[in-house]
Protein backbone atom coordinates (compact mmCIF):
# COMPACT_ATOMS: atom_id res chain seq x y z
CA MET A 1 102.34 -108.68 20.12
CA ARG A 2 105.40 -110.57 21.38
CA MET A 3 107.34 -107.31 21.77
CA LYS A 4 104.50 -105.79 23.77
CA LYS A 5 104.37 -108.86 26.03
CA GLN A 6 108.14 -108.71 26.61
CA ILE A 7 107.90 -105.03 27.59
CA GLU A 8 105.06 -105.79 29.99
CA ASN A 9 107.17 -108.56 31.61
CA HIS A 10 110.04 -106.21 32.41
CA THR A 11 111.04 -106.00 36.05
CA THR A 12 111.14 -102.66 37.82
CA ALA A 13 114.94 -102.64 37.62
CA GLN A 14 114.85 -103.33 33.87
CA GLU A 15 112.24 -100.63 33.36
CA ILE A 16 114.36 -98.11 35.29
CA GLN A 17 117.42 -99.11 33.21
CA ARG A 18 115.51 -98.78 29.95
CA ARG A 19 114.06 -95.38 30.76
CA PHE A 20 117.29 -93.93 32.13
CA LEU A 21 119.34 -95.36 29.26
CA THR A 22 116.91 -93.87 26.73
CA MET A 23 117.12 -90.50 28.47
CA LEU A 24 120.93 -90.73 28.65
CA VAL A 25 121.25 -91.58 24.95
CA LEU A 26 118.93 -88.74 23.94
CA MET A 27 120.75 -86.24 26.16
CA THR A 28 124.14 -87.41 24.88
CA LEU A 29 123.02 -87.17 21.26
CA PHE A 30 121.57 -83.74 21.86
CA MET A 31 124.79 -82.60 23.53
CA GLY A 32 126.94 -84.06 20.74
CA VAL A 33 124.87 -82.48 17.98
CA SER A 34 124.90 -79.17 19.82
CA ILE A 35 128.68 -79.22 20.23
CA VAL A 36 129.37 -80.18 16.61
CA SER A 37 126.83 -77.67 15.29
CA THR A 38 128.19 -74.85 17.44
CA VAL A 39 131.82 -75.58 16.54
CA GLY A 40 130.97 -75.96 12.85
CA TYR A 41 129.04 -72.71 12.81
CA GLN A 42 131.87 -70.83 14.49
CA LEU A 43 134.41 -72.26 12.06
CA VAL A 44 132.29 -71.25 9.07
CA LYS A 45 131.88 -67.74 10.48
CA GLN A 46 135.64 -67.59 10.94
CA SER A 47 136.08 -68.63 7.31
CA GLU A 48 133.68 -65.88 6.28
CA HIS A 49 135.81 -63.36 8.14
CA SER A 50 138.94 -64.75 6.50
CA SER A 51 137.40 -64.38 3.05
CA GLN A 52 136.82 -60.70 3.75
CA GLN A 53 140.49 -60.30 4.64
CA LEU A 54 141.50 -62.08 1.45
CA ILE A 55 139.36 -59.76 -0.69
CA ARG A 56 140.84 -56.70 0.98
CA SER A 57 144.40 -57.97 0.46
CA LEU A 58 143.52 -58.81 -3.16
CA ARG A 59 142.42 -55.23 -3.81
CA ARG A 60 145.76 -53.97 -2.57
CA SER A 61 147.62 -56.25 -5.00
CA PHE A 62 146.31 -54.66 -8.23
CA ILE A 63 149.05 -53.21 -10.43
CA ASN A 64 148.21 -51.67 -13.79
CA ASP A 65 144.57 -52.79 -13.54
CA ARG A 66 145.45 -56.42 -12.98
CA PRO A 67 146.10 -58.47 -9.84
CA ASP A 68 149.64 -59.41 -8.93
CA TRP A 69 149.14 -62.97 -7.67
CA ASN A 70 152.66 -63.36 -6.32
CA TYR A 71 152.42 -60.16 -4.35
CA TRP A 72 148.97 -61.17 -3.10
CA GLN A 73 150.25 -64.54 -1.85
CA ARG A 74 153.26 -62.94 -0.14
CA THR A 75 151.35 -60.13 1.56
CA SER A 76 148.12 -61.99 2.43
CA PRO A 77 147.76 -62.65 6.18
CA LEU A 78 146.20 -66.05 5.39
CA ASP A 79 147.31 -69.15 3.52
CA THR A 80 146.17 -68.75 -0.08
CA ARG A 81 147.32 -72.11 -1.39
CA ASN A 82 143.82 -73.59 -1.12
CA THR A 83 142.06 -70.40 -2.24
CA PHE A 84 140.77 -69.88 -5.78
CA VAL A 85 140.10 -66.40 -7.18
CA ARG A 86 138.50 -65.07 -10.36
CA VAL A 87 138.56 -61.32 -11.13
CA TYR A 88 136.55 -59.48 -13.81
CA LYS A 89 137.45 -56.07 -15.24
CA GLU A 90 134.97 -54.40 -17.58
CA HIS A 91 136.63 -51.96 -20.01
CA ASP A 92 133.40 -51.17 -21.80
CA ARG A 93 130.18 -52.97 -22.56
CA ARG A 94 131.86 -55.18 -25.18
CA SER A 95 135.21 -56.07 -23.60
CA THR A 96 135.93 -57.72 -20.26
CA SER A 97 139.24 -58.90 -18.81
CA THR A 98 139.20 -62.03 -16.61
CA PHE A 99 142.08 -63.02 -14.32
CA TYR A 100 142.48 -66.38 -12.52
CA SER A 101 144.66 -67.34 -9.60
CA ALA A 102 146.72 -70.53 -9.65
CA ARG A 103 144.54 -73.60 -10.41
CA ALA A 104 141.41 -71.44 -10.26
CA ARG A 105 140.46 -72.05 -13.90
CA HIS A 106 140.51 -75.83 -13.43
CA PHE A 107 138.59 -75.56 -10.15
CA ILE A 108 135.86 -73.35 -11.59
CA HIS A 109 135.17 -75.75 -14.45
CA GLN A 110 134.48 -78.59 -12.02
CA HIS A 111 130.92 -79.54 -11.05
CA HIS A 112 129.86 -77.87 -7.79
CA TYR A 113 127.13 -79.12 -5.44
CA PRO A 114 125.62 -76.45 -3.16
CA LEU A 115 124.92 -77.50 0.41
CA PRO A 116 121.28 -76.94 1.40
CA PHE A 117 121.78 -75.72 4.95
CA TYR A 118 124.27 -72.93 4.05
CA PRO A 119 124.02 -71.24 0.59
CA SER A 120 127.66 -70.04 0.59
CA LEU A 121 129.02 -73.59 0.94
CA ASP A 122 129.62 -75.92 -2.01
CA TYR A 123 131.00 -79.40 -2.34
CA THR A 124 133.40 -79.98 -5.23
CA PRO A 125 134.68 -83.51 -5.94
CA GLY A 126 138.45 -83.59 -5.40
CA TYR A 127 138.44 -80.29 -3.53
CA GLY A 128 136.03 -80.90 -0.68
CA ILE A 129 133.84 -78.20 0.81
CA THR A 130 134.56 -74.59 -0.19
CA TYR A 131 133.26 -71.25 0.98
CA TYR A 132 132.21 -68.78 -1.75
CA ARG A 133 132.29 -64.99 -1.48
CA ALA A 134 132.03 -62.23 -4.09
CA GLY A 135 132.57 -58.49 -4.03
CA SER A 136 133.18 -55.50 -6.33
CA ARG A 137 135.15 -52.28 -6.11
CA ALA A 138 136.31 -49.64 -8.62
CA GLY A 139 135.10 -51.64 -11.61
CA PHE A 140 136.63 -54.91 -10.46
CA TYR A 141 134.37 -57.87 -9.59
CA SER A 142 136.06 -60.55 -7.46
CA GLU A 143 135.00 -64.11 -6.64
CA ILE A 144 136.79 -66.20 -4.00
CA TRP A 145 136.43 -69.90 -3.19
CA MET A 146 138.13 -70.84 0.06
CA SER A 147 138.77 -74.50 0.75
CA LEU A 148 137.35 -75.57 4.13
CA THR A 149 139.47 -78.71 4.33
CA PRO A 150 141.22 -77.49 7.53
CA VAL A 151 137.83 -76.61 8.96
CA THR A 152 136.30 -79.99 8.10
CA THR A 153 139.38 -81.70 9.54
CA ILE A 154 138.89 -79.89 12.82
CA LEU A 155 135.16 -80.54 12.73
CA PHE A 156 135.73 -84.23 12.08
CA SER A 157 138.14 -84.39 15.01
CA VAL A 158 135.54 -82.72 17.22
CA LEU A 159 132.94 -85.19 15.97
CA VAL A 160 135.17 -88.18 16.70
CA VAL A 161 136.04 -86.93 20.17
CA THR A 162 132.40 -86.10 20.91
CA ALA A 163 131.26 -89.52 19.70
CA GLY A 164 133.92 -91.22 21.82
CA VAL A 165 132.96 -89.25 24.89
CA ALA A 166 129.26 -89.97 24.20
CA ILE A 167 129.88 -93.72 23.91
CA LEU A 168 131.95 -93.66 27.10
CA MET A 169 129.24 -91.69 28.92
CA ILE A 170 126.54 -94.08 27.73
CA GLY A 171 128.58 -97.12 28.75
CA VAL A 172 129.49 -95.78 32.17
CA GLY A 173 125.98 -94.42 32.66
CA TRP A 174 124.43 -97.76 31.75
CA ILE A 175 126.62 -99.62 34.24
CA TYR A 176 125.87 -97.06 36.95
CA VAL A 177 122.13 -97.04 36.27
CA ARG A 178 122.04 -100.84 36.19
CA ARG A 179 123.77 -101.19 39.54
CA THR A 180 121.72 -98.38 41.08
CA ALA A 181 118.42 -99.81 39.77
CA ASN A 182 119.26 -103.28 41.08
CA LYS A 183 120.24 -101.81 44.44
CA ILE A 184 117.07 -99.74 44.67
CA THR A 185 114.75 -102.58 43.65
CA GLN A 186 116.53 -105.31 45.61
CA PRO A 187 114.34 -104.77 48.72
CA LEU A 188 111.24 -104.84 46.53
CA ALA A 189 112.41 -108.04 44.83
CA GLY A 190 113.11 -109.61 48.22
CA LEU A 191 109.68 -108.57 49.42
CA ASN A 192 108.13 -110.10 46.31
CA THR A 193 110.00 -113.38 46.87
CA ALA A 194 108.88 -113.51 50.50
CA ALA A 195 105.29 -112.74 49.49
CA LYS A 196 105.31 -115.59 46.93
CA LYS A 197 106.58 -118.00 49.58
CA GLN A 198 103.84 -116.89 51.96
CA ALA A 199 101.23 -117.32 49.22
CA GLN A 200 102.08 -121.04 49.15
CA VAL A 201 101.58 -121.39 52.91
CA ARG A 202 98.11 -122.63 53.76
CA THR A 203 98.31 -122.07 57.49
CA VAL A 204 99.19 -118.92 59.43
CA LYS A 205 101.02 -116.38 57.28
CA ALA A 206 104.35 -115.19 58.70
CA ALA A 207 105.31 -111.54 58.67
CA LEU A 208 107.29 -110.30 55.67
CA PRO A 209 110.78 -108.87 56.20
CA ILE A 210 110.82 -105.08 56.45
CA PRO A 211 113.82 -103.45 54.71
CA ASP A 212 115.45 -100.35 56.15
CA ARG A 213 115.17 -98.41 52.90
CA PRO A 214 113.84 -97.07 50.63
CA GLN A 215 111.02 -95.55 52.61
CA GLU A 216 108.29 -96.54 50.15
CA VAL A 217 109.26 -100.23 50.28
CA THR A 218 109.50 -100.07 54.08
CA GLN A 219 105.99 -98.63 54.25
CA LEU A 220 104.74 -101.20 51.72
CA ALA A 221 106.18 -104.09 53.75
CA ALA A 222 104.68 -102.68 56.95
CA SER A 223 101.29 -102.33 55.23
CA PHE A 224 101.54 -105.91 53.95
CA ASN A 225 102.30 -107.13 57.46
CA GLU A 226 99.31 -105.24 58.82
CA LEU A 227 97.18 -106.87 56.13
CA LEU A 228 98.64 -110.30 56.98
CA THR A 229 97.86 -109.70 60.63
CA VAL A 230 94.23 -108.96 59.77
CA ILE A 231 94.11 -111.99 57.46
CA ASN A 232 95.57 -114.23 60.16
CA GLN A 233 93.15 -112.88 62.72
CA ASN A 234 90.20 -113.38 60.38
CA ALA A 235 91.39 -116.88 59.50
CA GLU A 236 91.84 -117.73 63.17
CA GLN A 237 88.41 -116.33 63.98
CA GLU A 238 86.92 -118.31 61.12
CA ARG A 239 88.58 -121.52 62.32
CA ALA A 240 87.48 -120.84 65.90
CA PHE A 241 83.97 -119.98 64.70
CA THR A 242 83.73 -123.22 62.70
CA SER A 243 85.10 -125.25 65.58
CA ASN A 244 82.78 -123.62 68.12
CA ALA A 245 79.75 -123.94 65.86
CA ALA A 246 80.54 -127.62 65.30
CA HIS A 247 80.96 -128.12 69.03
CA GLU A 248 77.72 -126.34 69.87
CA LEU A 249 75.82 -128.39 67.27
CA ARG A 250 77.54 -131.67 68.09
CA THR A 251 76.47 -131.63 71.75
CA PRO A 252 72.65 -131.49 71.23
CA ILE A 253 72.88 -133.84 68.26
CA ALA A 254 74.76 -136.38 70.34
CA ALA A 255 72.20 -136.02 73.14
CA ILE A 256 69.29 -136.45 70.73
CA ARG A 257 70.88 -139.53 69.14
CA GLY A 258 71.51 -140.96 72.62
CA HIS A 259 67.85 -140.64 73.59
CA VAL A 260 66.74 -142.02 70.23
CA ARG A 261 68.87 -145.11 70.79
CA LEU A 262 67.57 -145.33 74.35
CA LEU A 263 64.03 -145.35 73.04
CA GLU A 264 64.91 -147.94 70.42
CA ARG A 265 66.32 -150.28 73.06
CA ARG A 266 64.04 -149.74 76.05
CA ALA A 267 60.86 -147.97 74.95
CA ALA A 268 58.94 -151.21 74.48
CA GLY A 269 59.75 -152.52 77.96
CA HIS A 270 59.81 -149.22 79.80
CA PRO A 271 57.18 -146.90 78.31
CA GLU A 272 57.62 -144.48 81.23
CA ILE A 273 60.89 -143.15 79.73
CA ILE A 274 59.21 -142.08 76.52
CA PRO A 275 57.76 -138.72 77.70
CA ARG A 276 60.99 -137.70 79.41
CA SER A 277 63.09 -138.57 76.34
CA ILE A 278 60.71 -136.79 74.00
CA GLN A 279 60.82 -133.71 76.22
CA PHE A 280 64.62 -133.79 76.24
CA ILE A 281 64.74 -134.21 72.44
CA ASP A 282 62.34 -131.28 72.08
CA GLU A 283 64.47 -129.06 74.36
CA GLU A 284 67.67 -129.91 72.52
CA SER A 285 66.04 -129.33 69.11
CA ILE A 286 64.84 -125.92 70.31
CA ARG A 287 68.36 -125.15 71.44
CA MET A 288 69.68 -126.20 68.02
CA GLN A 289 67.05 -124.04 66.34
CA LYS A 290 68.12 -121.01 68.39
CA LEU A 291 71.74 -121.66 67.51
CA VAL A 292 70.96 -121.95 63.79
CA ASP A 293 68.82 -118.79 63.93
CA SER A 294 71.66 -116.95 65.67
CA LEU A 295 74.15 -118.14 63.05
CA LEU A 296 71.84 -116.99 60.25
CA THR A 297 71.33 -113.62 61.95
CA LEU A 298 75.06 -113.19 62.36
CA SER A 299 75.70 -114.19 58.76
CA ARG A 300 73.16 -111.66 57.48
CA ALA A 301 74.66 -108.99 59.72
CA ASP A 302 78.14 -109.72 58.34
CA ARG A 303 76.98 -109.22 54.75
CA GLY A 304 74.24 -106.66 55.22
CA ALA A 305 73.85 -102.90 55.18
CA LEU A 306 71.13 -100.99 56.99
CA THR A 307 69.15 -97.96 55.88
CA LEU A 308 69.59 -95.39 58.65
CA THR A 309 67.03 -92.70 59.41
CA SER A 310 66.23 -90.22 62.15
CA PHE A 311 63.43 -91.34 64.47
CA ASP A 312 62.21 -91.13 68.07
CA LEU A 313 63.94 -93.78 70.19
CA VAL A 314 61.49 -93.63 73.12
CA PRO A 315 58.64 -95.72 71.59
CA ILE A 316 61.13 -98.42 70.55
CA ILE A 317 62.49 -98.64 74.11
CA HIS A 318 59.02 -98.81 75.70
CA GLU A 319 57.87 -101.51 73.26
CA THR A 320 61.00 -103.62 73.81
CA ILE A 321 60.85 -103.31 77.61
CA GLU A 322 57.20 -104.37 77.69
CA GLU A 323 58.07 -107.49 75.70
CA GLU A 324 61.07 -108.30 77.92
CA ARG A 325 59.14 -107.84 81.16
CA ALA A 326 57.04 -110.81 80.13
CA VAL A 327 60.20 -112.90 79.71
CA LEU A 328 62.64 -111.75 82.36
CA GLN A 329 62.22 -112.44 86.03
CA GLN A 330 64.11 -109.30 87.11
CA PRO A 331 62.34 -105.93 87.37
CA ILE A 332 63.31 -103.38 84.71
CA GLU A 333 63.84 -99.74 85.62
CA VAL A 334 63.70 -97.10 82.87
CA HIS A 335 65.39 -93.70 82.98
CA LEU A 336 64.84 -91.62 79.85
CA MET A 337 63.39 -88.36 78.60
CA GLU A 338 60.82 -87.68 75.92
CA ASN A 339 61.51 -87.12 72.20
CA VAL A 340 64.98 -88.63 71.90
CA ILE A 341 65.76 -88.42 68.16
CA VAL A 342 68.40 -90.95 67.13
CA PHE A 343 70.05 -91.69 63.78
CA GLY A 344 69.95 -95.43 63.15
CA HIS A 345 67.85 -98.44 62.16
CA ALA A 346 64.82 -98.98 64.39
CA GLU A 347 64.47 -102.77 64.06
CA SER A 348 68.16 -103.47 64.65
CA ILE A 349 68.25 -101.13 67.67
CA GLN A 350 65.34 -103.07 69.09
CA GLN A 351 67.34 -106.29 68.54
CA ILE A 352 70.35 -104.72 70.29
CA LEU A 353 68.29 -103.70 73.34
CA THR A 354 66.59 -107.12 73.49
CA ALA A 355 69.93 -108.96 73.39
CA LEU A 356 71.45 -106.73 76.07
CA LEU A 357 68.41 -107.21 78.34
CA ASP A 358 68.52 -110.99 77.78
CA ASN A 359 72.22 -111.04 78.60
CA ALA A 360 71.65 -109.02 81.78
CA GLY A 361 68.80 -111.35 82.78
CA LYS A 362 71.08 -114.40 82.49
CA TYR A 363 73.77 -113.07 84.81
CA SER A 364 71.73 -111.01 87.32
CA PRO A 365 70.03 -112.14 90.53
CA LYS A 366 66.30 -112.54 90.09
CA ASP A 367 65.51 -109.99 92.80
CA GLN A 368 67.85 -107.28 91.51
CA PRO A 369 66.63 -104.71 88.94
CA ILE A 370 67.99 -104.17 85.44
CA SER A 371 68.27 -100.51 84.44
CA VAL A 372 67.76 -99.01 80.98
CA ILE A 373 69.17 -95.48 80.78
CA VAL A 374 69.12 -93.00 77.89
CA THR A 375 71.22 -89.82 77.97
CA VAL A 376 71.97 -87.11 75.41
CA ASN A 377 75.55 -85.77 75.24
CA ASP A 378 76.78 -83.25 72.63
CA GLY A 379 75.13 -84.73 69.58
CA TRP A 380 75.32 -88.34 70.80
CA ILE A 381 72.63 -90.63 72.24
CA ASP A 382 73.84 -93.12 74.87
CA LEU A 383 71.67 -96.19 75.44
CA SER A 384 72.84 -98.12 78.53
CA VAL A 385 71.77 -101.42 80.10
CA ALA A 386 73.08 -101.96 83.64
CA ASP A 387 72.73 -105.01 85.89
CA LEU A 388 73.76 -105.92 89.44
CA GLY A 389 75.21 -109.33 88.66
CA LEU A 390 78.73 -110.65 89.27
CA GLY A 391 80.26 -108.35 86.66
CA ILE A 392 82.91 -109.08 84.03
CA ALA A 393 86.61 -109.35 84.75
CA ASP A 394 88.86 -106.83 83.03
CA ALA A 395 90.69 -109.65 81.22
CA ASP A 396 87.41 -110.85 79.68
CA LYS A 397 86.02 -107.48 78.60
CA PRO A 398 87.96 -107.22 75.32
CA ARG A 399 86.69 -110.65 74.22
CA ILE A 400 83.06 -110.73 75.29
CA PHE A 401 81.97 -109.62 71.80
CA ASP A 402 83.83 -112.53 70.14
CA ARG A 403 81.70 -115.26 68.69
CA PHE A 404 81.01 -118.18 71.04
CA TYR A 405 83.06 -116.56 73.79
CA ARG A 406 81.77 -116.93 77.32
CA VAL A 407 83.23 -115.67 80.54
CA ASP A 408 83.13 -119.22 81.92
CA SER A 409 85.87 -120.88 79.93
CA ALA A 410 84.40 -124.34 80.41
CA ARG A 411 81.20 -123.30 78.61
CA THR A 412 78.88 -124.24 81.44
CA ARG A 413 75.24 -124.50 80.61
CA GLU A 414 73.95 -122.99 83.80
CA VAL A 415 72.82 -119.78 82.07
CA GLY A 416 72.11 -121.28 78.67
CA GLY A 417 72.49 -119.35 75.44
CA THR A 418 74.60 -119.86 72.32
CA GLY A 419 77.48 -117.50 72.98
CA LEU A 420 76.52 -115.46 69.92
CA GLY A 421 74.25 -112.82 71.45
CA LEU A 422 76.90 -110.17 72.14
CA ALA A 423 78.64 -110.93 68.84
CA ILE A 424 75.38 -110.16 67.03
CA VAL A 425 75.01 -106.99 69.12
CA ALA A 426 78.50 -105.84 68.15
CA GLN A 427 77.80 -106.38 64.44
CA LEU A 428 74.45 -104.59 64.57
CA VAL A 429 76.07 -101.69 66.45
CA LYS A 430 78.65 -101.42 63.69
CA LEU A 431 75.95 -101.39 60.99
CA ASN A 432 74.27 -98.50 62.85
CA ARG A 433 77.55 -96.53 62.77
CA ALA A 434 77.55 -96.65 66.56
CA THR A 435 79.96 -97.85 69.24
CA ILE A 436 79.58 -100.13 72.25
CA ARG A 437 81.61 -100.45 75.43
CA VAL A 438 81.27 -102.26 78.73
CA ILE A 439 82.32 -100.93 82.13
CA ASP A 440 81.82 -101.98 85.71
CA ASN A 441 78.52 -100.94 87.21
CA ARG A 442 78.31 -99.41 90.67
CA PRO A 443 78.08 -100.92 93.24
CA GLN A 444 78.43 -104.16 91.22
CA GLY A 445 77.58 -105.76 87.92
CA SER A 446 78.17 -104.58 84.36
CA ARG A 447 77.02 -101.64 82.29
CA PHE A 448 76.79 -101.88 78.46
CA THR A 449 76.59 -98.51 76.68
CA VAL A 450 75.79 -98.08 72.98
CA ARG A 451 76.49 -94.62 71.58
CA PHE A 452 74.41 -93.57 68.57
CA GLN A 453 74.51 -90.40 66.51
CA ALA A 454 71.80 -87.93 67.37
CA GLY A 455 69.22 -87.61 64.63
CA ASN A 456 68.00 -84.55 62.79
CA THR A 457 64.44 -83.63 63.66
CA ASN A 458 63.97 -82.07 60.19
CA SER A 459 65.59 -84.89 58.22
CA GLU A 460 63.42 -87.16 56.11
CA ASN A 461 66.10 -88.64 53.87
CA PRO A 462 67.45 -92.08 54.80
CA SER A 463 71.15 -92.94 54.61
CA VAL A 464 72.59 -96.31 53.67
């Protein structure tokens, strides 16, 4: 368990070193074994060829049906000092002559251990490894044991050199891999250190350093910075939202408390102030109720998901306009066609249109009309609300959908409202998989356009 935990705690550099070192050791061992095996095999095959030459030279040394060992040693092309020979000559079925070379009799009576991987090789204590070969010709049966001491000496030298080279390669390779791994992972380690420092910061997160290479770490740092930017923006919006909500609630609460204290001090002596104070308290409580309702609506929109279907937009527009005509003082002009099938959520689209009409009513002259226009363009449905008010400055357009943002920076109460209407619209538009934009109306005023997906007249399946 401890070993597994230690492996899991390895750094990237250590993991690279471990994997590369393992691969290097395996490759070096494979190369060493291959070299030694190949050299050993070639040396044994050479010994086999030499034994054939010895047998041929032995056959040429027979004089009077017996081998002349001195002649064989002088005329043999190979060194016969470490070669042992036994020769049989059958005269008839009952008599056999056996001839031994120098020290052969003593060698043959030793205990021999055959090597499993090559049947012709034996190990004899005191003599080392020998190669055995037998052959017969003209009634003579010959057996030869060639000492492979020179071969094993060469093979051992090859093994030592190979092992030395392997150790050197592993050592140099380990140093190289270690330095390379540390160099490669250094930007990642630096990024990790910077990220840990930023994790301890409770305020605005600073951007992480972006290394020049490698490319993956550069892209990772850039992605982290993009994420930090979004986090900072969300945190800033959350702080601004909390501050604005507190401000919006604090004002009516302070006003209500002021009138309550006024009534406590002066109601008994001046009963005429009671109706006015009660009316003011009622108005401020209604304003607080609207603000709380807007906050709840916005909160549900932030967390919610709508079931989208295809339906006819025209009845929704007519119903909403009829309700708003009873509220707004401006006339409402409608420009739309019949059977406009849209893909969205009917109730939320009605909320969007209501909020846009209310917003237009706040900033438009009472004698100027508000226009509701529906157009169909290449699979899209555009729902527009246009007014003839003062319009919105270009600098304010990107922020009008922010929560509690108002074009009048001092938050004047001349037009009322909570500053959350367009923020709710933007969130509902997003939930309908639609888009919203605001442009200048002609000749004056503003034009809000929400673009929905066109619905399928044959579709009955909702989409979430």
